[in-house]
Amino acid sequence: MKKIHIPFLMLLVGLFMTACDNNKNYEFGEPYSKLEGIADTWELTSVEQVDKLTLSADSTLDVSSVFLKGTPMTLAFNSSEMTVVVEAGDSPQLLIGGGSWSFDDDEYPTAIILNANGVEQTLRMLKTIRTVDETLEFQVSRSFRGQSTVGYNFTFVRQN
């Protein structure tokens, strides 16, 4: 029986080794610009409240109904002038008003930094933003006595 297993195993190993070809050259093209990706008008579609003091799986609460009464919030990012217009609509105002904006890193951003009249607010990005992405997702954190206690995960949909 060993005589049958050894040739069979050698055949399988030979098939696996010939199936691998390391000489393929893949071209991925130019990377998407994150500055071009965010440049658009975005409309709020959902908000989740995250309890940052609880480590359980059920530490999020959908609070979209509070934020989506009447006219939803919109954000309009201009990447050539680095300006943002924040229209709160009928949503609670958790974002500072319009002004200027920047990424923490233009090539690999993890945060959007809003600046309105010298007041800064950091929006931690929950996913990257490219021209092909239809949603903009970020978290706004609230603190108590220097400790981040609650976060609001915002999801916006591209309008243009």
N, C-alpha and C. Protein backbone atom coordinates (compact mmCIF):
# COMPACT_ATOMS: atom_id res chain seq x y z
N MET A 1 0.82 -1.19 0.00
CA MET A 1 0.00 0.00 0.00
C MET A 1 0.87 1.26 0.00
N LYS A 2 2.07 1.20 0.60
CA LYS A 2 2.96 2.34 0.62
C LYS A 2 3.42 2.67 -0.79
N LYS A 3 3.52 1.67 -1.63
CA LYS A 3 3.96 1.88 -3.01
C LYS A 3 2.96 2.73 -3.78
N ILE A 4 1.69 2.60 -3.46
CA ILE A 4 0.65 3.37 -4.15
C ILE A 4 0.63 4.81 -3.64
N HIS A 5 0.79 5.03 -2.35
CA HIS A 5 0.72 6.37 -1.76
C HIS A 5 1.88 7.25 -2.18
N ILE A 6 3.08 6.69 -2.24
CA ILE A 6 4.26 7.51 -2.56
C ILE A 6 4.18 8.05 -3.99
N PRO A 7 3.90 7.25 -5.01
CA PRO A 7 3.79 7.82 -6.36
C PRO A 7 2.62 8.81 -6.48
N PHE A 8 1.52 8.52 -5.78
CA PHE A 8 0.37 9.42 -5.83
C PHE A 8 0.72 10.77 -5.21
N LEU A 9 1.41 10.75 -4.07
CA LEU A 9 1.82 11.99 -3.42
C LEU A 9 2.82 12.75 -4.28
N MET A 10 3.73 12.05 -4.93
CA MET A 10 4.70 12.71 -5.81
C MET A 10 4.00 13.37 -6.99
N LEU A 11 2.97 12.73 -7.51
CA LEU A 11 2.19 13.30 -8.61
C LEU A 11 1.47 14.57 -8.16
N LEU A 12 0.87 14.53 -6.96
CA LEU A 12 0.19 15.72 -6.45
C LEU A 12 1.16 16.88 -6.22
N VAL A 13 2.31 16.60 -5.63
CA VAL A 13 3.30 17.64 -5.40
C VAL A 13 3.76 18.22 -6.73
N GLY A 14 3.97 17.37 -7.72
CA GLY A 14 4.38 17.84 -9.05
C GLY A 14 3.32 18.73 -9.68
N LEU A 15 2.06 18.39 -9.54
CA LEU A 15 0.98 19.21 -10.09
C LEU A 15 0.93 20.58 -9.40
N PHE A 16 1.06 20.60 -8.08
CA PHE A 16 1.03 21.88 -7.37
C PHE A 16 2.21 22.77 -7.76
N MET A 17 3.37 22.17 -7.94
CA MET A 17 4.55 22.98 -8.27
C MET A 17 4.47 23.54 -9.69
N THR A 18 3.89 22.80 -10.61
CA THR A 18 3.78 23.32 -11.98
C THR A 18 2.64 24.31 -12.12
N ALA A 19 1.69 24.29 -11.19
CA ALA A 19 0.57 25.23 -11.25
C ALA A 19 0.98 26.62 -10.82
N CYS A 20 2.08 26.75 -10.11
CA CYS A 20 2.55 28.05 -9.64
C CYS A 20 3.44 28.69 -10.69
N ASP A 21 3.13 29.89 -11.05
CA ASP A 21 3.94 30.64 -12.01
C ASP A 21 4.22 32.00 -11.41
N ASN A 22 5.47 32.22 -11.02
CA ASN A 22 5.85 33.48 -10.38
C ASN A 22 6.27 34.54 -11.38
N ASN A 23 6.16 34.29 -12.64
CA ASN A 23 6.64 35.22 -13.66
C ASN A 23 5.55 36.13 -14.20
N LYS A 24 4.43 36.19 -13.54
CA LYS A 24 3.34 37.04 -14.01
C LYS A 24 3.57 38.46 -13.54
N ASN A 25 3.38 39.41 -14.44
CA ASN A 25 3.49 40.83 -14.10
C ASN A 25 2.11 41.45 -14.17
N TYR A 26 1.62 41.87 -13.03
CA TYR A 26 0.31 42.48 -12.97
C TYR A 26 0.48 44.00 -12.91
N GLU A 27 -0.37 44.70 -13.65
CA GLU A 27 -0.37 46.15 -13.59
C GLU A 27 -1.67 46.59 -12.95
N PHE A 28 -1.55 47.40 -11.93
CA PHE A 28 -2.71 47.87 -11.21
C PHE A 28 -3.14 49.27 -11.60
N GLY A 29 -2.32 49.95 -12.37
CA GLY A 29 -2.65 51.30 -12.77
C GLY A 29 -2.32 52.30 -11.68
N GLU A 30 -2.70 53.53 -11.91
CA GLU A 30 -2.43 54.60 -10.96
C GLU A 30 -3.36 54.46 -9.76
N PRO A 31 -2.85 54.71 -8.56
CA PRO A 31 -3.74 54.66 -7.38
C PRO A 31 -4.75 55.81 -7.43
N TYR A 32 -5.91 55.55 -6.85
CA TYR A 32 -6.95 56.58 -6.79
C TYR A 32 -6.52 57.71 -5.88
N SER A 33 -6.82 58.93 -6.28
CA SER A 33 -6.53 60.09 -5.46
C SER A 33 -7.61 60.22 -4.39
N LYS A 34 -7.20 60.29 -3.14
CA LYS A 34 -8.16 60.47 -2.05
C LYS A 34 -8.72 61.89 -2.06
N LEU A 35 -7.91 62.86 -2.53
CA LEU A 35 -8.39 64.24 -2.64
C LEU A 35 -9.51 64.35 -3.66
N GLU A 36 -9.36 63.65 -4.79
CA GLU A 36 -10.43 63.65 -5.79
C GLU A 36 -11.62 62.83 -5.29
N GLY A 37 -11.35 61.80 -4.50
CA GLY A 37 -12.41 60.92 -4.01
C GLY A 37 -13.39 61.60 -3.08
N ILE A 38 -12.91 62.52 -2.26
CA ILE A 38 -13.80 63.17 -1.29
C ILE A 38 -14.50 64.39 -1.88
N ALA A 39 -13.96 64.91 -2.98
CA ALA A 39 -14.50 66.14 -3.58
C ALA A 39 -15.88 65.88 -4.17
N ASP A 40 -16.90 66.21 -3.41
CA ASP A 40 -18.28 65.99 -3.86
C ASP A 40 -19.22 66.50 -2.78
N THR A 41 -20.52 66.34 -3.03
CA THR A 41 -21.53 66.64 -2.03
C THR A 41 -22.04 65.32 -1.49
N TRP A 42 -22.13 65.24 -0.17
CA TRP A 42 -22.49 64.00 0.53
C TRP A 42 -23.73 64.24 1.39
N GLU A 43 -24.65 63.26 1.40
CA GLU A 43 -25.87 63.37 2.21
C GLU A 43 -25.90 62.28 3.27
N LEU A 44 -26.23 62.67 4.48
CA LEU A 44 -26.28 61.74 5.60
C LEU A 44 -27.36 60.68 5.40
N THR A 45 -27.00 59.40 5.62
CA THR A 45 -27.98 58.32 5.49
C THR A 45 -28.15 57.50 6.76
N SER A 46 -27.11 57.46 7.62
CA SER A 46 -27.26 56.72 8.87
C SER A 46 -26.23 57.18 9.90
N VAL A 47 -26.60 56.97 11.18
CA VAL A 47 -25.71 57.29 12.30
C VAL A 47 -25.86 56.20 13.35
N GLU A 48 -24.72 55.69 13.82
CA GLU A 48 -24.72 54.73 14.91
C GLU A 48 -23.95 55.34 16.08
N GLN A 49 -24.50 55.17 17.26
CA GLN A 49 -23.84 55.63 18.48
C GLN A 49 -23.06 54.44 19.06
N VAL A 50 -21.78 54.66 19.39
CA VAL A 50 -20.91 53.60 19.88
C VAL A 50 -20.49 53.93 21.31
N ASP A 51 -20.77 53.01 22.22
CA ASP A 51 -20.34 53.15 23.61
C ASP A 51 -18.89 52.70 23.69
N LYS A 52 -17.97 53.63 23.89
CA LYS A 52 -16.55 53.31 23.90
C LYS A 52 -16.06 52.78 25.23
N LEU A 53 -16.90 52.79 26.25
CA LEU A 53 -16.52 52.27 27.55
C LEU A 53 -16.91 50.81 27.72
N THR A 54 -17.73 50.30 26.82
CA THR A 54 -18.19 48.92 26.87
C THR A 54 -17.51 48.14 25.76
N LEU A 55 -17.01 46.98 26.08
CA LEU A 55 -16.32 46.17 25.09
C LEU A 55 -17.21 45.07 24.50
N SER A 56 -18.48 45.07 24.83
CA SER A 56 -19.37 44.03 24.34
C SER A 56 -19.73 44.27 22.88
N ALA A 57 -20.20 43.22 22.24
CA ALA A 57 -20.55 43.29 20.82
C ALA A 57 -21.77 44.17 20.57
N ASP A 58 -22.62 44.34 21.56
CA ASP A 58 -23.83 45.14 21.37
C ASP A 58 -23.66 46.56 21.91
N SER A 59 -22.49 47.13 21.69
CA SER A 59 -22.22 48.47 22.20
C SER A 59 -22.58 49.56 21.21
N THR A 60 -23.29 49.21 20.12
CA THR A 60 -23.73 50.22 19.15
C THR A 60 -25.24 50.32 19.15
N LEU A 61 -25.72 51.52 18.87
CA LEU A 61 -27.15 51.79 18.82
C LEU A 61 -27.43 52.64 17.59
N ASP A 62 -28.36 52.20 16.77
CA ASP A 62 -28.74 52.97 15.58
C ASP A 62 -29.57 54.18 16.02
N VAL A 63 -29.01 55.37 15.81
CA VAL A 63 -29.70 56.61 16.18
C VAL A 63 -30.04 57.43 14.93
N SER A 64 -30.14 56.77 13.80
CA SER A 64 -30.43 57.45 12.54
C SER A 64 -31.72 58.25 12.60
N SER A 65 -32.72 57.74 13.28
CA SER A 65 -34.01 58.42 13.32
C SER A 65 -33.90 59.80 13.97
N VAL A 66 -32.96 59.98 14.88
CA VAL A 66 -32.76 61.27 15.53
C VAL A 66 -32.12 62.26 14.54
N PHE A 67 -31.23 61.77 13.69
CA PHE A 67 -30.48 62.63 12.78
C PHE A 67 -31.16 62.84 11.43
N LEU A 68 -32.11 61.98 11.09
CA LEU A 68 -32.72 62.05 9.76
C LEU A 68 -34.15 62.56 9.77
N LYS A 69 -34.51 63.36 10.77
CA LYS A 69 -35.84 63.98 10.78
C LYS A 69 -35.81 65.17 9.83
N GLY A 70 -36.71 65.21 8.89
CA GLY A 70 -36.75 66.35 7.97
C GLY A 70 -35.60 66.35 6.99
N THR A 71 -34.93 67.49 6.86
CA THR A 71 -33.84 67.66 5.90
C THR A 71 -32.55 67.06 6.45
N PRO A 72 -31.93 66.10 5.73
CA PRO A 72 -30.71 65.49 6.24
C PRO A 72 -29.49 66.42 6.10
N MET A 73 -28.49 66.17 6.91
CA MET A 73 -27.24 66.91 6.86
C MET A 73 -26.51 66.62 5.55
N THR A 74 -25.86 67.65 4.99
CA THR A 74 -25.02 67.47 3.81
C THR A 74 -23.65 68.09 4.05
N LEU A 75 -22.66 67.50 3.41
CA LEU A 75 -21.30 68.01 3.42
C LEU A 75 -20.88 68.20 1.97
N ALA A 76 -20.25 69.33 1.66
CA ALA A 76 -19.73 69.59 0.31
C ALA A 76 -18.24 69.89 0.42
N PHE A 77 -17.41 68.93 -0.03
CA PHE A 77 -15.96 69.07 0.03
C PHE A 77 -15.44 69.57 -1.31
N ASN A 78 -14.60 70.59 -1.26
CA ASN A 78 -13.92 71.12 -2.44
C ASN A 78 -12.43 70.82 -2.24
N SER A 79 -11.85 69.99 -3.12
CA SER A 79 -10.45 69.58 -2.91
C SER A 79 -9.46 70.53 -3.56
N SER A 80 -9.89 71.41 -4.44
CA SER A 80 -8.95 72.36 -5.02
C SER A 80 -8.72 73.56 -4.09
N GLU A 81 -9.78 73.99 -3.42
CA GLU A 81 -9.65 75.11 -2.47
C GLU A 81 -9.57 74.64 -1.02
N MET A 82 -9.74 73.33 -0.80
CA MET A 82 -9.69 72.71 0.52
C MET A 82 -10.71 73.35 1.48
N THR A 83 -11.93 73.54 0.96
CA THR A 83 -13.01 74.09 1.77
C THR A 83 -14.12 73.05 1.92
N VAL A 84 -14.91 73.21 2.96
CA VAL A 84 -16.05 72.33 3.18
C VAL A 84 -17.23 73.19 3.63
N VAL A 85 -18.41 72.85 3.12
CA VAL A 85 -19.65 73.50 3.54
C VAL A 85 -20.46 72.44 4.27
N VAL A 86 -20.82 72.75 5.51
CA VAL A 86 -21.61 71.83 6.33
C VAL A 86 -23.01 72.42 6.47
N GLU A 87 -24.00 71.72 5.93
CA GLU A 87 -25.40 72.11 6.07
C GLU A 87 -26.04 71.11 7.03
N ALA A 88 -26.34 71.54 8.26
CA ALA A 88 -26.85 70.64 9.29
C ALA A 88 -28.24 70.13 8.98
N GLY A 89 -29.01 70.86 8.19
CA GLY A 89 -30.39 70.47 7.96
C GLY A 89 -31.13 70.43 9.29
N ASP A 90 -31.89 69.37 9.51
CA ASP A 90 -32.61 69.21 10.78
C ASP A 90 -31.89 68.27 11.74
N SER A 91 -30.63 67.94 11.43
CA SER A 91 -29.85 67.03 12.27
C SER A 91 -29.23 67.76 13.46
N PRO A 92 -29.04 67.05 14.58
CA PRO A 92 -28.28 67.65 15.69
C PRO A 92 -26.88 68.03 15.20
N GLN A 93 -26.38 69.15 15.65
CA GLN A 93 -25.10 69.68 15.16
C GLN A 93 -23.94 69.09 15.96
N LEU A 94 -23.37 67.97 15.48
CA LEU A 94 -22.19 67.39 16.12
C LEU A 94 -20.91 67.77 15.38
N LEU A 95 -21.06 68.33 14.17
CA LEU A 95 -19.90 68.77 13.41
C LEU A 95 -19.78 70.28 13.51
N ILE A 96 -18.53 70.76 13.55
CA ILE A 96 -18.35 72.21 13.55
C ILE A 96 -18.76 72.74 12.18
N GLY A 97 -18.99 74.00 12.07
CA GLY A 97 -19.46 74.58 10.82
C GLY A 97 -18.45 74.46 9.69
N GLY A 98 -18.83 74.96 8.55
CA GLY A 98 -17.95 74.90 7.37
C GLY A 98 -16.71 75.74 7.55
N GLY A 99 -15.77 75.52 6.69
CA GLY A 99 -14.50 76.23 6.73
C GLY A 99 -13.51 75.50 5.84
N SER A 100 -12.33 75.25 6.38
CA SER A 100 -11.33 74.52 5.62
C SER A 100 -11.23 73.08 6.14
N TRP A 101 -10.58 72.24 5.36
CA TRP A 101 -10.41 70.85 5.76
C TRP A 101 -9.08 70.35 5.23
N SER A 102 -8.61 69.26 5.79
CA SER A 102 -7.41 68.58 5.31
C SER A 102 -7.46 67.13 5.75
N PHE A 103 -6.65 66.30 5.09
CA PHE A 103 -6.43 64.94 5.56
C PHE A 103 -5.22 64.97 6.49
N ASP A 104 -5.12 63.98 7.37
CA ASP A 104 -3.90 63.87 8.17
C ASP A 104 -2.74 63.41 7.30
N ASP A 105 -3.03 62.72 6.19
CA ASP A 105 -2.03 62.28 5.22
C ASP A 105 -2.75 62.18 3.88
N ASP A 106 -2.31 62.96 2.87
CA ASP A 106 -3.03 63.00 1.59
C ASP A 106 -3.02 61.68 0.83
N GLU A 107 -1.96 60.87 0.98
CA GLU A 107 -1.89 59.60 0.25
C GLU A 107 -2.59 58.47 0.99
N TYR A 108 -2.44 58.42 2.31
CA TYR A 108 -3.02 57.35 3.12
C TYR A 108 -3.77 57.96 4.31
N PRO A 109 -4.88 58.63 4.04
CA PRO A 109 -5.57 59.33 5.14
C PRO A 109 -6.28 58.38 6.10
N THR A 110 -6.21 58.74 7.37
CA THR A 110 -6.98 58.03 8.40
C THR A 110 -7.94 58.98 9.11
N ALA A 111 -7.81 60.28 8.82
CA ALA A 111 -8.68 61.26 9.47
C ALA A 111 -8.87 62.47 8.56
N ILE A 112 -10.04 63.09 8.71
CA ILE A 112 -10.36 64.36 8.07
C ILE A 112 -10.33 65.40 9.19
N ILE A 113 -9.62 66.49 8.96
CA ILE A 113 -9.53 67.53 9.98
C ILE A 113 -10.28 68.76 9.48
N LEU A 114 -11.36 69.10 10.18
CA LEU A 114 -12.14 70.29 9.86
C LEU A 114 -11.60 71.46 10.66
N ASN A 115 -11.61 72.65 10.06
CA ASN A 115 -11.16 73.85 10.76
C ASN A 115 -12.16 74.97 10.45
N ALA A 116 -12.84 75.44 11.48
CA ALA A 116 -13.80 76.53 11.34
C ALA A 116 -13.41 77.64 12.31
N ASN A 117 -12.90 78.73 11.75
CA ASN A 117 -12.51 79.89 12.56
C ASN A 117 -11.53 79.52 13.68
N GLY A 118 -10.54 78.69 13.35
CA GLY A 118 -9.52 78.32 14.32
C GLY A 118 -9.88 77.16 15.23
N VAL A 119 -11.10 76.65 15.15
CA VAL A 119 -11.52 75.51 15.95
C VAL A 119 -11.38 74.26 15.08
N GLU A 120 -10.62 73.26 15.56
CA GLU A 120 -10.41 72.03 14.79
C GLU A 120 -11.24 70.89 15.34
N GLN A 121 -11.66 70.02 14.41
CA GLN A 121 -12.38 68.82 14.79
C GLN A 121 -11.85 67.69 13.91
N THR A 122 -11.48 66.57 14.53
CA THR A 122 -10.94 65.43 13.80
C THR A 122 -12.03 64.39 13.60
N LEU A 123 -12.23 63.99 12.36
CA LEU A 123 -13.19 62.95 12.00
C LEU A 123 -12.37 61.71 11.62
N ARG A 124 -12.42 60.67 12.44
CA ARG A 124 -11.66 59.46 12.17
C ARG A 124 -12.36 58.66 11.08
N MET A 125 -11.66 58.45 9.97
CA MET A 125 -12.25 57.75 8.83
C MET A 125 -12.41 56.27 9.16
N LEU A 126 -13.58 55.72 8.80
CA LEU A 126 -13.85 54.30 9.03
C LEU A 126 -13.50 53.46 7.82
N LYS A 127 -13.31 54.11 6.68
CA LYS A 127 -12.85 53.44 5.46
C LYS A 127 -12.26 54.49 4.54
N THR A 128 -11.50 54.03 3.58
CA THR A 128 -10.87 54.95 2.64
C THR A 128 -11.91 55.57 1.72
N ILE A 129 -11.55 56.66 1.08
CA ILE A 129 -12.47 57.32 0.16
C ILE A 129 -11.76 57.53 -1.17
N ARG A 130 -12.36 56.96 -2.23
CA ARG A 130 -11.82 57.09 -3.58
C ARG A 130 -12.95 57.55 -4.48
N THR A 131 -12.63 57.89 -5.71
CA THR A 131 -13.67 58.36 -6.63
C THR A 131 -14.71 57.28 -6.92
N VAL A 132 -14.36 56.01 -6.76
CA VAL A 132 -15.30 54.92 -7.03
C VAL A 132 -16.17 54.56 -5.83
N ASP A 133 -15.85 55.11 -4.66
CA ASP A 133 -16.62 54.80 -3.45
C ASP A 133 -17.86 55.68 -3.37
N GLU A 134 -18.97 55.05 -3.05
CA GLU A 134 -20.25 55.76 -2.97
C GLU A 134 -20.58 56.24 -1.57
N THR A 135 -19.83 55.80 -0.56
CA THR A 135 -20.11 56.22 0.80
C THR A 135 -18.87 56.84 1.45
N LEU A 136 -19.12 57.80 2.31
CA LEU A 136 -18.11 58.43 3.15
C LEU A 136 -18.48 58.07 4.58
N GLU A 137 -17.56 57.41 5.29
CA GLU A 137 -17.85 56.95 6.65
C GLU A 137 -16.76 57.44 7.59
N PHE A 138 -17.19 58.07 8.68
CA PHE A 138 -16.24 58.54 9.68
C PHE A 138 -16.88 58.53 11.06
N GLN A 139 -16.03 58.66 12.08
CA GLN A 139 -16.52 58.68 13.46
C GLN A 139 -16.15 59.99 14.13
N VAL A 140 -17.12 60.55 14.83
CA VAL A 140 -16.92 61.73 15.67
C VAL A 140 -16.95 61.23 17.11
N SER A 141 -15.92 61.53 17.87
CA SER A 141 -15.85 61.09 19.27
C SER A 141 -16.21 62.22 20.22
N ARG A 142 -16.85 61.85 21.31
CA ARG A 142 -17.17 62.79 22.38
C ARG A 142 -16.43 62.31 23.62
N SER A 143 -15.92 63.26 24.38
CA SER A 143 -15.11 62.93 25.56
C SER A 143 -15.72 63.50 26.83
N PHE A 144 -15.38 62.85 27.93
CA PHE A 144 -15.75 63.33 29.26
C PHE A 144 -14.52 63.21 30.14
N ARG A 145 -14.09 64.34 30.68
CA ARG A 145 -12.89 64.40 31.53
C ARG A 145 -11.67 63.79 30.84
N GLY A 146 -11.52 64.12 29.56
CA GLY A 146 -10.35 63.69 28.80
C GLY A 146 -10.40 62.27 28.26
N GLN A 147 -11.47 61.53 28.53
CA GLN A 147 -11.58 60.16 28.05
C GLN A 147 -12.68 60.07 27.00
N SER A 148 -12.37 59.45 25.87
CA SER A 148 -13.36 59.25 24.82
C SER A 148 -14.41 58.27 25.32
N THR A 149 -15.66 58.71 25.40
CA THR A 149 -16.71 57.89 25.99
C THR A 149 -17.73 57.38 24.97
N VAL A 150 -17.99 58.18 23.95
CA VAL A 150 -18.99 57.79 22.96
C VAL A 150 -18.54 58.26 21.58
N GLY A 151 -18.86 57.46 20.59
CA GLY A 151 -18.56 57.84 19.21
C GLY A 151 -19.83 57.79 18.38
N TYR A 152 -19.83 58.58 17.33
CA TYR A 152 -20.96 58.58 16.40
C TYR A 152 -20.40 58.22 15.03
N ASN A 153 -20.83 57.08 14.50
CA ASN A 153 -20.39 56.63 13.19
C ASN A 153 -21.37 57.17 12.14
N PHE A 154 -20.88 58.11 11.33
CA PHE A 154 -21.69 58.74 10.29
C PHE A 154 -21.46 58.05 8.96
N THR A 155 -22.54 57.82 8.22
CA THR A 155 -22.44 57.31 6.86
C THR A 155 -23.15 58.30 5.94
N PHE A 156 -22.42 58.80 4.95
CA PHE A 156 -22.94 59.73 3.95
C PHE A 156 -22.88 59.05 2.58
N VAL A 157 -23.81 59.41 1.71
CA VAL A 157 -23.85 58.87 0.34
C VAL A 157 -23.53 60.00 -0.63
N ARG A 158 -22.73 59.67 -1.64
CA ARG A 158 -22.35 60.64 -2.67
C ARG A 158 -23.59 61.12 -3.44
N GLN A 159 -23.70 62.42 -3.67
CA GLN A 159 -24.87 62.98 -4.34
C GLN A 159 -24.67 63.31 -5.80
N ASN A 160 -23.47 63.55 -6.24
CA ASN A 160 -23.25 63.95 -7.65
C ASN A 160 -22.74 62.83 -8.50
